[in-house]
Amino acid sequence: MRLSLVASGAMLALSACSYYEAPAGTGAFTVMTPASFDRNFSAAAGAMRDQGLAISVEDPVTGVVVGSLDSNTVTAGVRQQADGNVRVQFDNKGAYDPALLERISRSYNRRMGR
């Protein structure tokens, strides 16, 4: 019984792993995690506010958050995947500022407890 619980706990820990993808030169940052859609959506919107973006769209039905800072427009897309994971992607339009996306990513991770 105890071995079964330990094995179940190890499998649960492995299933909680996140996937990060930062395509070179695209101005996008993607995170996939099994946390709830609502938690991810709130963390994405909050991370953008943390970095001083003025939010113009915050629509949980479509999973879209749009914010701007100076000449940068950042869009967060939050999507529930078929496997239960939630995909969060930040895209930067306008003047490309990789440091801004990195700061948003760090804020997002902090809000998600990472």
PDB file of N, CA and C in Angstrom:
ATOM      1  N   MET A   1       0.826  -1.193   0.000  1.00  0.00           N
ATOM      2  CA  MET A   1       0.000   0.000   0.000  1.00  0.00           C
ATOM      3  C   MET A   1       0.871   1.257   0.000  1.00  0.00           C
ATOM      4  N   ARG A   2       1.874   1.277   0.890  1.00  0.00           N
ATOM      5  CA  ARG A   2       2.741   2.441   0.987  1.00  0.00           C
ATOM      6  C   ARG A   2       3.514   2.646  -0.315  1.00  0.00           C
ATOM      7  N   LEU A   3       3.989   1.545  -0.921  1.00  0.00           N
ATOM      8  CA  LEU A   3       4.705   1.646  -2.188  1.00  0.00           C
ATOM      9  C   LEU A   3       3.789   2.205  -3.271  1.00  0.00           C
ATOM     10  N   SER A   4       2.538   1.801  -3.246  1.00  0.00           N
ATOM     11  CA  SER A   4       1.570   2.297  -4.215  1.00  0.00           C
ATOM     12  C   SER A   4       1.375   3.805  -4.069  1.00  0.00           C
ATOM     13  N   LEU A   5       1.292   4.286  -2.822  1.00  0.00           N
ATOM     14  CA  LEU A   5       1.134   5.724  -2.583  1.00  0.00           C
ATOM     15  C   LEU A   5       2.362   6.508  -3.049  1.00  0.00           C
ATOM     16  N   VAL A   6       3.546   5.951  -2.795  1.00  0.00           N
ATOM     17  CA  VAL A   6       4.778   6.621  -3.217  1.00  0.00           C
ATOM     18  C   VAL A   6       4.833   6.684  -4.744  1.00  0.00           C
ATOM     19  N   ALA A   7       4.494   5.583  -5.403  1.00  0.00           N
ATOM     20  CA  ALA A   7       4.504   5.558  -6.867  1.00  0.00           C
ATOM     21  C   ALA A   7       3.478   6.540  -7.425  1.00  0.00           C
ATOM     22  N   SER A   8       2.300   6.602  -6.805  1.00  0.00           N
ATOM     23  CA  SER A   8       1.275   7.548  -7.257  1.00  0.00           C
ATOM     24  C   SER A   8       1.745   8.981  -7.078  1.00  0.00           C
ATOM     25  N   GLY A   9       2.401   9.256  -5.962  1.00  0.00           N
ATOM     26  CA  GLY A   9       2.922  10.598  -5.711  1.00  0.00           C
ATOM     27  C   GLY A   9       3.984  10.983  -6.713  1.00  0.00           C
ATOM     28  N   ALA A  10       4.850  10.040  -7.076  1.00  0.00           N
ATOM     29  CA  ALA A  10       5.894  10.321  -8.067  1.00  0.00           C
ATOM     30  C   ALA A  10       5.273  10.596  -9.430  1.00  0.00           C
ATOM     31  N   MET A  11       4.243   9.842  -9.797  1.00  0.00           N
ATOM     32  CA  MET A  11       3.585  10.059 -11.081  1.00  0.00           C
ATOM     33  C   MET A  11       2.892  11.411 -11.109  1.00  0.00           C
ATOM     34  N   LEU A  12       2.264  11.792  -9.990  1.00  0.00           N
ATOM     35  CA  LEU A  12       1.602  13.092  -9.911  1.00  0.00           C
ATOM     36  C   LEU A  12       2.624  14.212 -10.055  1.00  0.00           C
ATOM     37  N   ALA A  13       3.773  14.072  -9.400  1.00  0.00           N
ATOM     38  CA  ALA A  13       4.813  15.097  -9.492  1.00  0.00           C
ATOM     39  C   ALA A  13       5.302  15.235 -10.930  1.00  0.00           C
ATOM     40  N   LEU A  14       5.470  14.103 -11.631  1.00  0.00           N
ATOM     41  CA  LEU A  14       5.913  14.168 -13.017  1.00  0.00           C
ATOM     42  C   LEU A  14       4.855  14.805 -13.906  1.00  0.00           C
ATOM     43  N   SER A  15       3.580  14.563 -13.614  1.00  0.00           N
ATOM     44  CA  SER A  15       2.533  15.133 -14.452  1.00  0.00           C
ATOM     45  C   SER A  15       2.402  16.639 -14.247  1.00  0.00           C
ATOM     46  N   ALA A  16       2.990  17.176 -13.185  1.00  0.00           N
ATOM     47  CA  ALA A  16       2.909  18.607 -12.902  1.00  0.00           C
ATOM     48  C   ALA A  16       4.023  19.390 -13.592  1.00  0.00           C
ATOM     49  N   CYS A  17       4.853  18.706 -14.376  1.00  0.00           N
ATOM     50  CA  CYS A  17       5.931  19.395 -15.078  1.00  0.00           C
ATOM     51  C   CYS A  17       5.364  20.369 -16.096  1.00  0.00           C
ATOM     52  N   SER A  18       6.077  21.423 -16.324  1.00  0.00           N
ATOM     53  CA  SER A  18       5.661  22.436 -17.288  1.00  0.00           C
ATOM     54  C   SER A  18       6.538  22.373 -18.523  1.00  0.00           C
ATOM     55  N   TYR A  19       6.026  22.849 -19.616  1.00  0.00           N
ATOM     56  CA  TYR A  19       6.742  22.908 -20.873  1.00  0.00           C
ATOM     57  C   TYR A  19       6.902  24.373 -21.247  1.00  0.00           C
ATOM     58  N   TYR A  20       8.135  24.785 -21.506  1.00  0.00           N
ATOM     59  CA  TYR A  20       8.412  26.164 -21.888  1.00  0.00           C
ATOM     60  C   TYR A  20       8.979  26.181 -23.297  1.00  0.00           C
ATOM     61  N   GLU A  21       8.553  27.103 -24.083  1.00  0.00           N
ATOM     62  CA  GLU A  21       9.046  27.229 -25.451  1.00  0.00           C
ATOM     63  C   GLU A  21       9.206  28.703 -25.771  1.00  0.00           C
ATOM     64  N   ALA A  22      10.381  29.070 -26.242  1.00  0.00           N
ATOM     65  CA  ALA A  22      10.624  30.456 -26.656  1.00  0.00           C
ATOM     66  C   ALA A  22      11.217  30.445 -28.056  1.00  0.00           C
ATOM     67  N   PRO A  23      10.377  30.454 -29.083  1.00  0.00           N
ATOM     68  CA  PRO A  23      10.880  30.427 -30.452  1.00  0.00           C
ATOM     69  C   PRO A  23      11.793  31.614 -30.731  1.00  0.00           C
ATOM     70  N   ALA A  24      12.952  31.330 -31.279  1.00  0.00           N
ATOM     71  CA  ALA A  24      13.951  32.366 -31.533  1.00  0.00           C
ATOM     72  C   ALA A  24      13.425  33.412 -32.507  1.00  0.00           C
ATOM     73  N   GLY A  25      13.511  34.667 -32.111  1.00  0.00           N
ATOM     74  CA  GLY A  25      13.185  35.770 -32.983  1.00  0.00           C
ATOM     75  C   GLY A  25      11.710  36.000 -33.267  1.00  0.00           C
ATOM     76  N   THR A  26      10.813  35.255 -32.592  1.00  0.00           N
ATOM     77  CA  THR A  26       9.398  35.412 -32.900  1.00  0.00           C
ATOM     78  C   THR A  26       8.692  36.373 -31.965  1.00  0.00           C
ATOM     79  N   GLY A  27       9.318  36.711 -30.850  1.00  0.00           N
ATOM     80  CA  GLY A  27       8.660  37.592 -29.900  1.00  0.00           C
ATOM     81  C   GLY A  27       7.536  36.893 -29.169  1.00  0.00           C
ATOM     82  N   ALA A  28       7.650  35.565 -29.017  1.00  0.00           N
ATOM     83  CA  ALA A  28       6.600  34.799 -28.349  1.00  0.00           C
ATOM     84  C   ALA A  28       7.204  33.984 -27.229  1.00  0.00           C
ATOM     85  N   PHE A  29       6.418  33.725 -26.223  1.00  0.00           N
ATOM     86  CA  PHE A  29       6.828  32.865 -25.121  1.00  0.00           C
ATOM     87  C   PHE A  29       5.631  32.002 -24.758  1.00  0.00           C
ATOM     88  N   THR A  30       5.822  30.695 -24.705  1.00  0.00           N
ATOM     89  CA  THR A  30       4.735  29.766 -24.453  1.00  0.00           C
ATOM     90  C   THR A  30       5.018  28.963 -23.197  1.00  0.00           C
ATOM     91  N   VAL A  31       3.991  28.747 -22.389  1.00  0.00           N
ATOM     92  CA  VAL A  31       4.078  27.911 -21.201  1.00  0.00           C
ATOM     93  C   VAL A  31       2.915  26.945 -21.238  1.00  0.00           C
ATOM     94  N   MET A  32       3.174  25.665 -20.949  1.00  0.00           N
ATOM     95  CA  MET A  32       2.081  24.699 -20.839  1.00  0.00           C
ATOM     96  C   MET A  32       2.151  24.076 -19.448  1.00  0.00           C
ATOM     97  N   THR A  33       1.024  24.024 -18.785  1.00  0.00           N
ATOM     98  CA  THR A  33       0.969  23.512 -17.426  1.00  0.00           C
ATOM     99  C   THR A  33      -0.422  22.976 -17.124  1.00  0.00           C
ATOM    100  N   PRO A  34      -0.535  21.967 -16.215  1.00  0.00           N
ATOM    101  CA  PRO A  34      -1.845  21.397 -15.929  1.00  0.00           C
ATOM    102  C   PRO A  34      -2.682  22.185 -14.920  1.00  0.00           C
ATOM    103  N   ALA A  35      -2.240  23.342 -14.489  1.00  0.00           N
ATOM    104  CA  ALA A  35      -3.027  24.135 -13.548  1.00  0.00           C
ATOM    105  C   ALA A  35      -4.335  24.581 -14.203  1.00  0.00           C
ATOM    106  N   SER A  36      -5.254  25.071 -13.411  1.00  0.00           N
ATOM    107  CA  SER A  36      -6.575  25.436 -13.924  1.00  0.00           C
ATOM    108  C   SER A  36      -6.514  26.612 -14.899  1.00  0.00           C
ATOM    109  N   PHE A  37      -7.476  26.638 -15.808  1.00  0.00           N
ATOM    110  CA  PHE A  37      -7.573  27.724 -16.782  1.00  0.00           C
ATOM    111  C   PHE A  37      -7.684  29.065 -16.062  1.00  0.00           C
ATOM    112  N   ASP A  38      -8.586  29.153 -15.078  1.00  0.00           N
ATOM    113  CA  ASP A  38      -8.810  30.424 -14.382  1.00  0.00           C
ATOM    114  C   ASP A  38      -7.536  30.929 -13.710  1.00  0.00           C
ATOM    115  N   ARG A  39      -6.798  30.029 -13.087  1.00  0.00           N
ATOM    116  CA  ARG A  39      -5.565  30.436 -12.408  1.00  0.00           C
ATOM    117  C   ARG A  39      -4.543  30.947 -13.426  1.00  0.00           C
ATOM    118  N   ASN A  40      -4.403  30.238 -14.541  1.00  0.00           N
ATOM    119  CA  ASN A  40      -3.466  30.665 -15.578  1.00  0.00           C
ATOM    120  C   ASN A  40      -3.882  31.993 -16.188  1.00  0.00           C
ATOM    121  N   PHE A  41      -5.172  32.161 -16.454  1.00  0.00           N
ATOM    122  CA  PHE A  41      -5.657  33.401 -17.050  1.00  0.00           C
ATOM    123  C   PHE A  41      -5.390  34.579 -16.114  1.00  0.00           C
ATOM    124  N   SER A  42      -5.704  34.403 -14.842  1.00  0.00           N
ATOM    125  CA  SER A  42      -5.464  35.471 -13.860  1.00  0.00           C
ATOM    126  C   SER A  42      -3.978  35.788 -13.737  1.00  0.00           C
ATOM    127  N   ALA A  43      -3.146  34.746 -13.748  1.00  0.00           N
ATOM    128  CA  ALA A  43      -1.701  34.954 -13.630  1.00  0.00           C
ATOM    129  C   ALA A  43      -1.160  35.687 -14.856  1.00  0.00           C
ATOM    130  N   ALA A  44      -1.659  35.353 -16.048  1.00  0.00           N
ATOM    131  CA  ALA A  44      -1.200  36.018 -17.270  1.00  0.00           C
ATOM    132  C   ALA A  44      -1.570  37.500 -17.249  1.00  0.00           C
ATOM    133  N   ALA A  45      -2.830  37.794 -16.917  1.00  0.00           N
ATOM    134  CA  ALA A  45      -3.275  39.192 -16.858  1.00  0.00           C
ATOM    135  C   ALA A  45      -2.522  39.946 -15.760  1.00  0.00           C
ATOM    136  N   GLY A  46      -2.357  39.326 -14.614  1.00  0.00           N
ATOM    137  CA  GLY A  46      -1.650  39.961 -13.506  1.00  0.00           C
ATOM    138  C   GLY A  46      -0.190  40.223 -13.824  1.00  0.00           C
ATOM    139  N   ALA A  47       0.445  39.292 -14.523  1.00  0.00           N
ATOM    140  CA  ALA A  47       1.854  39.462 -14.895  1.00  0.00           C
ATOM    141  C   ALA A  47       2.025  40.655 -15.825  1.00  0.00           C
ATOM    142  N   MET A  48       1.076  40.829 -16.726  1.00  0.00           N
ATOM    143  CA  MET A  48       1.151  41.971 -17.633  1.00  0.00           C
ATOM    144  C   MET A  48       0.979  43.276 -16.854  1.00  0.00           C
ATOM    145  N   ARG A  49       0.053  43.289 -15.899  1.00  0.00           N
ATOM    146  CA  ARG A  49      -0.118  44.487 -15.056  1.00  0.00           C
ATOM    147  C   ARG A  49       1.128  44.747 -14.216  1.00  0.00           C
ATOM    148  N   ASP A  50       1.725  43.659 -13.677  1.00  0.00           N
ATOM    149  CA  ASP A  50       2.943  43.805 -12.874  1.00  0.00           C
ATOM    150  C   ASP A  50       4.021  44.577 -13.620  1.00  0.00           C
ATOM    151  N   GLN A  51       4.070  44.398 -14.933  1.00  0.00           N
ATOM    152  CA  GLN A  51       5.113  45.028 -15.739  1.00  0.00           C
ATOM    153  C   GLN A  51       4.666  46.354 -16.346  1.00  0.00           C
ATOM    154  N   GLY A  52       3.550  46.885 -15.863  1.00  0.00           N
ATOM    155  CA  GLY A  52       3.130  48.224 -16.238  1.00  0.00           C
ATOM    156  C   GLY A  52       2.308  48.334 -17.510  1.00  0.00           C
ATOM    157  N   LEU A  53       1.842  47.208 -18.052  1.00  0.00           N
ATOM    158  CA  LEU A  53       1.036  47.279 -19.255  1.00  0.00           C
ATOM    159  C   LEU A  53      -0.372  47.737 -18.911  1.00  0.00           C
ATOM    160  N   ALA A  54      -0.923  48.600 -19.751  1.00  0.00           N
ATOM    161  CA  ALA A  54      -2.323  49.023 -19.617  1.00  0.00           C
ATOM    162  C   ALA A  54      -3.158  47.984 -20.357  1.00  0.00           C
ATOM    163  N   ILE A  55      -4.042  47.302 -19.636  1.00  0.00           N
ATOM    164  CA  ILE A  55      -4.857  46.242 -20.219  1.00  0.00           C
ATOM    165  C   ILE A  55      -6.049  46.858 -20.951  1.00  0.00           C
ATOM    166  N   SER A  56      -6.197  46.512 -22.237  1.00  0.00           N
ATOM    167  CA  SER A  56      -7.323  47.015 -23.028  1.00  0.00           C
ATOM    168  C   SER A  56      -8.365  45.930 -23.283  1.00  0.00           C
ATOM    169  N   VAL A  57      -7.952  44.667 -23.250  1.00  0.00           N
ATOM    170  CA  VAL A  57      -8.864  43.531 -23.425  1.00  0.00           C
ATOM    171  C   VAL A  57      -8.509  42.487 -22.374  1.00  0.00           C
ATOM    172  N   GLU A  58      -9.524  42.012 -21.670  1.00  0.00           N
ATOM    173  CA  GLU A  58      -9.347  40.927 -20.710  1.00  0.00           C
ATOM    174  C   GLU A  58     -10.603  40.061 -20.793  1.00  0.00           C
ATOM    175  N   ASP A  59     -10.573  39.059 -21.665  1.00  0.00           N
ATOM    176  CA  ASP A  59     -11.748  38.265 -21.976  1.00  0.00           C
ATOM    177  C   ASP A  59     -11.503  36.784 -21.678  1.00  0.00           C
ATOM    178  N   PRO A  60     -11.952  36.303 -20.513  1.00  0.00           N
ATOM    179  CA  PRO A  60     -11.723  34.899 -20.173  1.00  0.00           C
ATOM    180  C   PRO A  60     -12.480  33.923 -21.072  1.00  0.00           C
ATOM    181  N   VAL A  61     -13.557  34.362 -21.710  1.00  0.00           N
ATOM    182  CA  VAL A  61     -14.311  33.470 -22.603  1.00  0.00           C
ATOM    183  C   VAL A  61     -13.448  33.078 -23.801  1.00  0.00           C
ATOM    184  N   THR A  62     -12.738  34.057 -24.386  1.00  0.00           N
ATOM    185  CA  THR A  62     -11.858  33.772 -25.518  1.00  0.00           C
ATOM    186  C   THR A  62     -10.435  33.463 -25.082  1.00  0.00           C
ATOM    187  N   GLY A  63     -10.121  33.700 -23.810  1.00  0.00           N
ATOM    188  CA  GLY A  63      -8.773  33.451 -23.303  1.00  0.00           C
ATOM    189  C   GLY A  63      -7.762  34.467 -23.755  1.00  0.00           C
ATOM    190  N   VAL A  64      -8.203  35.689 -24.022  1.00  0.00           N
ATOM    191  CA  VAL A  64      -7.306  36.722 -24.561  1.00  0.00           C
ATOM    192  C   VAL A  64      -7.162  37.884 -23.582  1.00  0.00           C
ATOM    193  N   VAL A  65      -5.903  38.295 -23.403  1.00  0.00           N
ATOM    194  CA  VAL A  65      -5.576  39.505 -22.652  1.00  0.00           C
ATOM    195  C   VAL A  65      -4.671  40.329 -23.556  1.00  0.00           C
ATOM    196  N   VAL A  66      -4.991  41.603 -23.734  1.00  0.00           N
ATOM    197  CA  VAL A  66      -4.168  42.497 -24.557  1.00  0.00           C
ATOM    198  C   VAL A  66      -3.788  43.696 -23.699  1.00  0.00           C
ATOM    199  N   GLY A  67      -2.516  44.013 -23.715  1.00  0.00           N
ATOM    200  CA  GLY A  67      -2.030  45.164 -22.972  1.00  0.00           C
ATOM    201  C   GLY A  67      -0.969  45.902 -23.755  1.00  0.00           C
ATOM    202  N   SER A  68      -0.755  47.164 -23.407  1.00  0.00           N
ATOM    203  CA  SER A  68       0.256  47.939 -24.123  1.00  0.00           C
ATOM    204  C   SER A  68       1.108  48.740 -23.154  1.00  0.00           C
ATOM    205  N   LEU A  69       2.327  48.964 -23.595  1.00  0.00           N
ATOM    206  CA  LEU A  69       3.290  49.767 -22.847  1.00  0.00           C
ATOM    207  C   LEU A  69       4.191  50.425 -23.875  1.00  0.00           C
ATOM    208  N   ASP A  70       4.214  51.742 -23.871  1.00  0.00           N
ATOM    209  CA  ASP A  70       4.972  52.490 -24.879  1.00  0.00           C
ATOM    210  C   ASP A  70       4.498  52.046 -26.263  1.00  0.00           C
ATOM    211  N   SER A  71       5.373  51.586 -27.125  1.00  0.00           N
ATOM    212  CA  SER A  71       4.960  51.161 -28.468  1.00  0.00           C
ATOM    213  C   SER A  71       4.877  49.640 -28.587  1.00  0.00           C
ATOM    214  N   ASN A  72       4.807  48.956 -27.446  1.00  0.00           N
ATOM    215  CA  ASN A  72       4.682  47.496 -27.422  1.00  0.00           C
ATOM    216  C   ASN A  72       3.245  47.109 -27.114  1.00  0.00           C
ATOM    217  N   THR A  73       2.716  46.174 -27.874  1.00  0.00           N
ATOM    218  CA  THR A  73       1.417  45.574 -27.583  1.00  0.00           C
ATOM    219  C   THR A  73       1.655  44.094 -27.347  1.00  0.00           C
ATOM    220  N   VAL A  74       1.278  43.626 -26.169  1.00  0.00           N
ATOM    221  CA  VAL A  74       1.472  42.222 -25.808  1.00  0.00           C
ATOM    222  C   VAL A  74       0.103  41.568 -25.713  1.00  0.00           C
ATOM    223  N   THR A  75      -0.009  40.398 -26.351  1.00  0.00           N
ATOM    224  CA  THR A  75      -1.234  39.607 -26.292  1.00  0.00           C
ATOM    225  C   THR A  75      -0.928  38.301 -25.588  1.00  0.00           C
ATOM    226  N   ALA A  76      -1.739  37.968 -24.603  1.00  0.00           N
ATOM    227  CA  ALA A  76      -1.649  36.661 -23.948  1.00  0.00           C
ATOM    228  C   ALA A  76      -2.815  35.829 -24.434  1.00  0.00           C
ATOM    229  N   GLY A  77      -2.506  34.631 -24.879  1.00  0.00           N
ATOM    230  CA  GLY A  77      -3.543  33.674 -25.273  1.00  0.00           C
ATOM    231  C   GLY A  77      -3.519  32.514 -24.306  1.00  0.00           C
ATOM    232  N   VAL A  78      -4.639  32.231 -23.679  1.00  0.00           N
ATOM    233  CA  VAL A  78      -4.742  31.138 -22.712  1.00  0.00           C
ATOM    234  C   VAL A  78      -5.719  30.129 -23.287  1.00  0.00           C
ATOM    235  N   ARG A  79      -5.257  28.888 -23.495  1.00  0.00           N
ATOM    236  CA  ARG A  79      -6.076  27.857 -24.131  1.00  0.00           C
ATOM    237  C   ARG A  79      -6.032  26.564 -23.327  1.00  0.00           C
ATOM    238  N   GLN A  80      -7.190  25.973 -23.121  1.00  0.00           N
ATOM    239  CA  GLN A  80      -7.280  24.644 -22.499  1.00  0.00           C
ATOM    240  C   GLN A  80      -6.992  23.611 -23.583  1.00  0.00           C
ATOM    241  N   GLN A  81      -6.030  22.721 -23.349  1.00  0.00           N
ATOM    242  CA  GLN A  81      -5.666  21.687 -24.308  1.00  0.00           C
ATOM    243  C   GLN A  81      -6.483  20.419 -24.061  1.00  0.00           C
ATOM    244  N   ALA A  82      -6.569  19.562 -25.055  1.00  0.00           N
ATOM    245  CA  ALA A  82      -7.336  18.318 -24.946  1.00  0.00           C
ATOM    246  C   ALA A  82      -6.801  17.408 -23.849  1.00  0.00           C
ATOM    247  N   ASP A  83      -5.491  17.475 -23.572  1.00  0.00           N
ATOM    248  CA  ASP A  83      -4.900  16.609 -22.549  1.00  0.00           C
ATOM    249  C   ASP A  83      -5.051  17.177 -21.135  1.00  0.00           C
ATOM    250  N   GLY A  84      -5.754  18.294 -20.999  1.00  0.00           N
ATOM    251  CA  GLY A  84      -5.973  18.890 -19.679  1.00  0.00           C
ATOM    252  C   GLY A  84      -4.994  19.997 -19.339  1.00  0.00           C
ATOM    253  N   ASN A  85      -3.888  20.102 -20.074  1.00  0.00           N
ATOM    254  CA  ASN A  85      -2.941  21.184 -19.836  1.00  0.00           C
ATOM    255  C   ASN A  85      -3.536  22.506 -20.299  1.00  0.00           C
ATOM    256  N   VAL A  86      -3.000  23.572 -19.757  1.00  0.00           N
ATOM    257  CA  VAL A  86      -3.384  24.912 -20.176  1.00  0.00           C
ATOM    258  C   VAL A  86      -2.168  25.527 -20.855  1.00  0.00           C
ATOM    259  N   ARG A  87      -2.374  26.039 -22.048  1.00  0.00           N
ATOM    260  CA  ARG A  87      -1.289  26.667 -22.798  1.00  0.00           C
ATOM    261  C   ARG A  87      -1.437  28.169 -22.687  1.00  0.00           C
ATOM    262  N   VAL A  88      -0.345  28.816 -22.287  1.00  0.00           N
ATOM    263  CA  VAL A  88      -0.309  30.273 -22.186  1.00  0.00           C
ATOM    264  C   VAL A  88       0.785  30.770 -23.106  1.00  0.00           C
ATOM    265  N   GLN A  89       0.436  31.675 -24.009  1.00  0.00           N
ATOM    266  CA  GLN A  89       1.413  32.216 -24.943  1.00  0.00           C
ATOM    267  C   GLN A  89       1.343  33.728 -24.928  1.00  0.00           C
ATOM    268  N   PHE A  90       2.504  34.372 -24.775  1.00  0.00           N
ATOM    269  CA  PHE A  90       2.621  35.816 -24.816  1.00  0.00           C
ATOM    270  C   PHE A  90       3.268  36.197 -26.148  1.00  0.00           C
ATOM    271  N   ASP A  91       2.630  37.092 -26.886  1.00  0.00           N
ATOM    272  CA  ASP A  91       3.168  37.581 -28.156  1.00  0.00           C
ATOM    273  C   ASP A  91       3.324  39.091 -28.075  1.00  0.00           C
ATOM    274  N   ASN A  92       4.415  39.585 -28.642  1.00  0.00           N
ATOM    275  CA  ASN A  92       4.719  41.011 -28.644  1.00  0.00           C
ATOM    276  C   ASN A  92       4.568  41.553 -30.054  1.00  0.00           C
ATOM    277  N   LYS A  93       3.720  42.526 -30.212  1.00  0.00           N
ATOM    278  CA  LYS A  93       3.525  43.190 -31.507  1.00  0.00           C
ATOM    279  C   LYS A  93       4.051  44.621 -31.393  1.00  0.00           C
ATOM    280  N   GLY A  94       4.387  45.195 -32.500  1.00  0.00           N
ATOM    281  CA  GLY A  94       4.915  46.561 -32.475  1.00  0.00           C
ATOM    282  C   GLY A  94       6.405  46.531 -32.246  1.00  0.00           C
ATOM    283  N   ALA A  95       6.908  47.478 -31.484  1.00  0.00           N
ATOM    284  CA  ALA A  95       8.339  47.528 -31.186  1.00  0.00           C
ATOM    285  C   ALA A  95       8.696  46.293 -30.368  1.00  0.00           C
ATOM    286  N   TYR A  96       9.587  45.483 -30.888  1.00  0.00           N
ATOM    287  CA  TYR A  96       9.941  44.229 -30.225  1.00  0.00           C
ATOM    288  C   TYR A  96      10.883  44.487 -29.061  1.00  0.00           C
ATOM    289  N   ASP A  97      10.463  44.090 -27.880  1.00  0.00           N
ATOM    290  CA  ASP A  97      11.259  44.254 -26.666  1.00  0.00           C
ATOM    291  C   ASP A  97      11.360  42.906 -25.966  1.00  0.00           C
ATOM    292  N   PRO A  98      12.411  42.110 -26.250  1.00  0.00           N
ATOM    293  CA  PRO A  98      12.534  40.790 -25.631  1.00  0.00           C
ATOM    294  C   PRO A  98      12.627  40.867 -24.109  1.00  0.00           C
ATOM    295  N   ALA A  99      13.168  41.958 -23.587  1.00  0.00           N
ATOM    296  CA  ALA A  99      13.270  42.103 -22.138  1.00  0.00           C
ATOM    297  C   ALA A  99      11.884  42.226 -21.508  1.00  0.00           C
ATOM    298  N   LEU A 100      10.947  42.870 -22.206  1.00  0.00           N
ATOM    299  CA  LEU A 100       9.585  42.989 -21.695  1.00  0.00           C
ATOM    300  C   LEU A 100       8.937  41.615 -21.581  1.00  0.00           C
ATOM    301  N   LEU A 101       9.054  40.790 -22.625  1.00  0.00           N
ATOM    302  CA  LEU A 101       8.479  39.444 -22.561  1.00  0.00           C
ATOM    303  C   LEU A 101       9.122  38.621 -21.458  1.00  0.00           C
ATOM    304  N   GLU A 102      10.409  38.774 -21.264  1.00  0.00           N
ATOM    305  CA  GLU A 102      11.098  38.038 -20.202  1.00  0.00           C
ATOM    306  C   GLU A 102      10.594  38.489 -18.827  1.00  0.00           C
ATOM    307  N   ARG A 103      10.394  39.782 -18.641  1.00  0.00           N
ATOM    308  CA  ARG A 103       9.864  40.279 -17.358  1.00  0.00           C
ATOM    309  C   ARG A 103       8.434  39.779 -17.126  1.00  0.00           C
ATOM    310  N   ILE A 104       7.620  39.769 -18.169  1.00  0.00           N
ATOM    311  CA  ILE A 104       6.251  39.244 -18.041  1.00  0.00           C
ATOM    312  C   ILE A 104       6.298  37.760 -17.687  1.00  0.00           C
ATOM    313  N   SER A 105       7.180  37.035 -18.337  1.00  0.00           N
ATOM    314  CA  SER A 105       7.329  35.601 -18.063  1.00  0.00           C
ATOM    315  C   SER A 105       7.722  35.347 -16.608  1.00  0.00           C
ATOM    316  N   ARG A 106       8.671  36.122 -16.096  1.00  0.00           N
ATOM    317  CA  ARG A 106       9.086  35.965 -14.693  1.00  0.00           C
ATOM    318  C   ARG A 106       7.928  36.287 -13.742  1.00  0.00           C
ATOM    319  N   SER A 107       7.177  37.341 -14.050  1.00  0.00           N
ATOM    320  CA  SER A 107       6.005  37.685 -13.217  1.00  0.00           C
ATOM    321  C   SER A 107       4.967  36.583 -13.267  1.00  0.00           C
ATOM    322  N   TYR A 108       4.734  36.043 -14.461  1.00  0.00           N
ATOM    323  CA  TYR A 108       3.783  34.953 -14.613  1.00  0.00           C
ATOM    324  C   TYR A 108       4.212  33.742 -13.775  1.00  0.00           C
ATOM    325  N   ASN A 109       5.473  33.363 -13.880  1.00  0.00           N
ATOM    326  CA  ASN A 109       5.969  32.215 -13.109  1.00  0.00           C
ATOM    327  C   ASN A 109       5.864  32.458 -11.613  1.00  0.00           C
ATOM    328  N   ARG A 110       6.168  33.665 -11.186  1.00  0.00           N
ATOM    329  CA  ARG A 110       6.065  34.006  -9.761  1.00  0.00           C
ATOM    330  C   ARG A 110       4.616  33.876  -9.305  1.00  0.00           C
ATOM    331  N   ARG A 111       3.682  34.355 -10.098  1.00  0.00           N
ATOM    332  CA  ARG A 111       2.261  34.254  -9.749  1.00  0.00           C
ATOM    333  C   ARG A 111       1.776  32.811  -9.742  1.00  0.00           C
ATOM    334  N   MET A 112       2.408  31.963 -10.546  1.00  0.00           N
ATOM    335  CA  MET A 112       2.040  30.549 -10.593  1.00  0.00           C
ATOM    336  C   MET A 112       2.785  29.743  -9.529  1.00  0.00           C
ATOM    337  N   GLY A 113       3.602  30.421  -8.710  1.00  0.00           N
ATOM    338  CA  GLY A 113       4.297  29.734  -7.620  1.00  0.00           C
ATOM    339  C   GLY A 113       5.532  28.986  -8.051  1.00  0.00           C
ATOM    340  N   ARG A 114       6.132  29.419  -9.124  1.00  0.00           N
ATOM    341  CA  ARG A 114       7.353  28.733  -9.609  1.00  0.00           C
ATOM    342  C   ARG A 114       8.578  29.530  -9.292  1.00  0.00           C
TER     343      ARG A 114
END
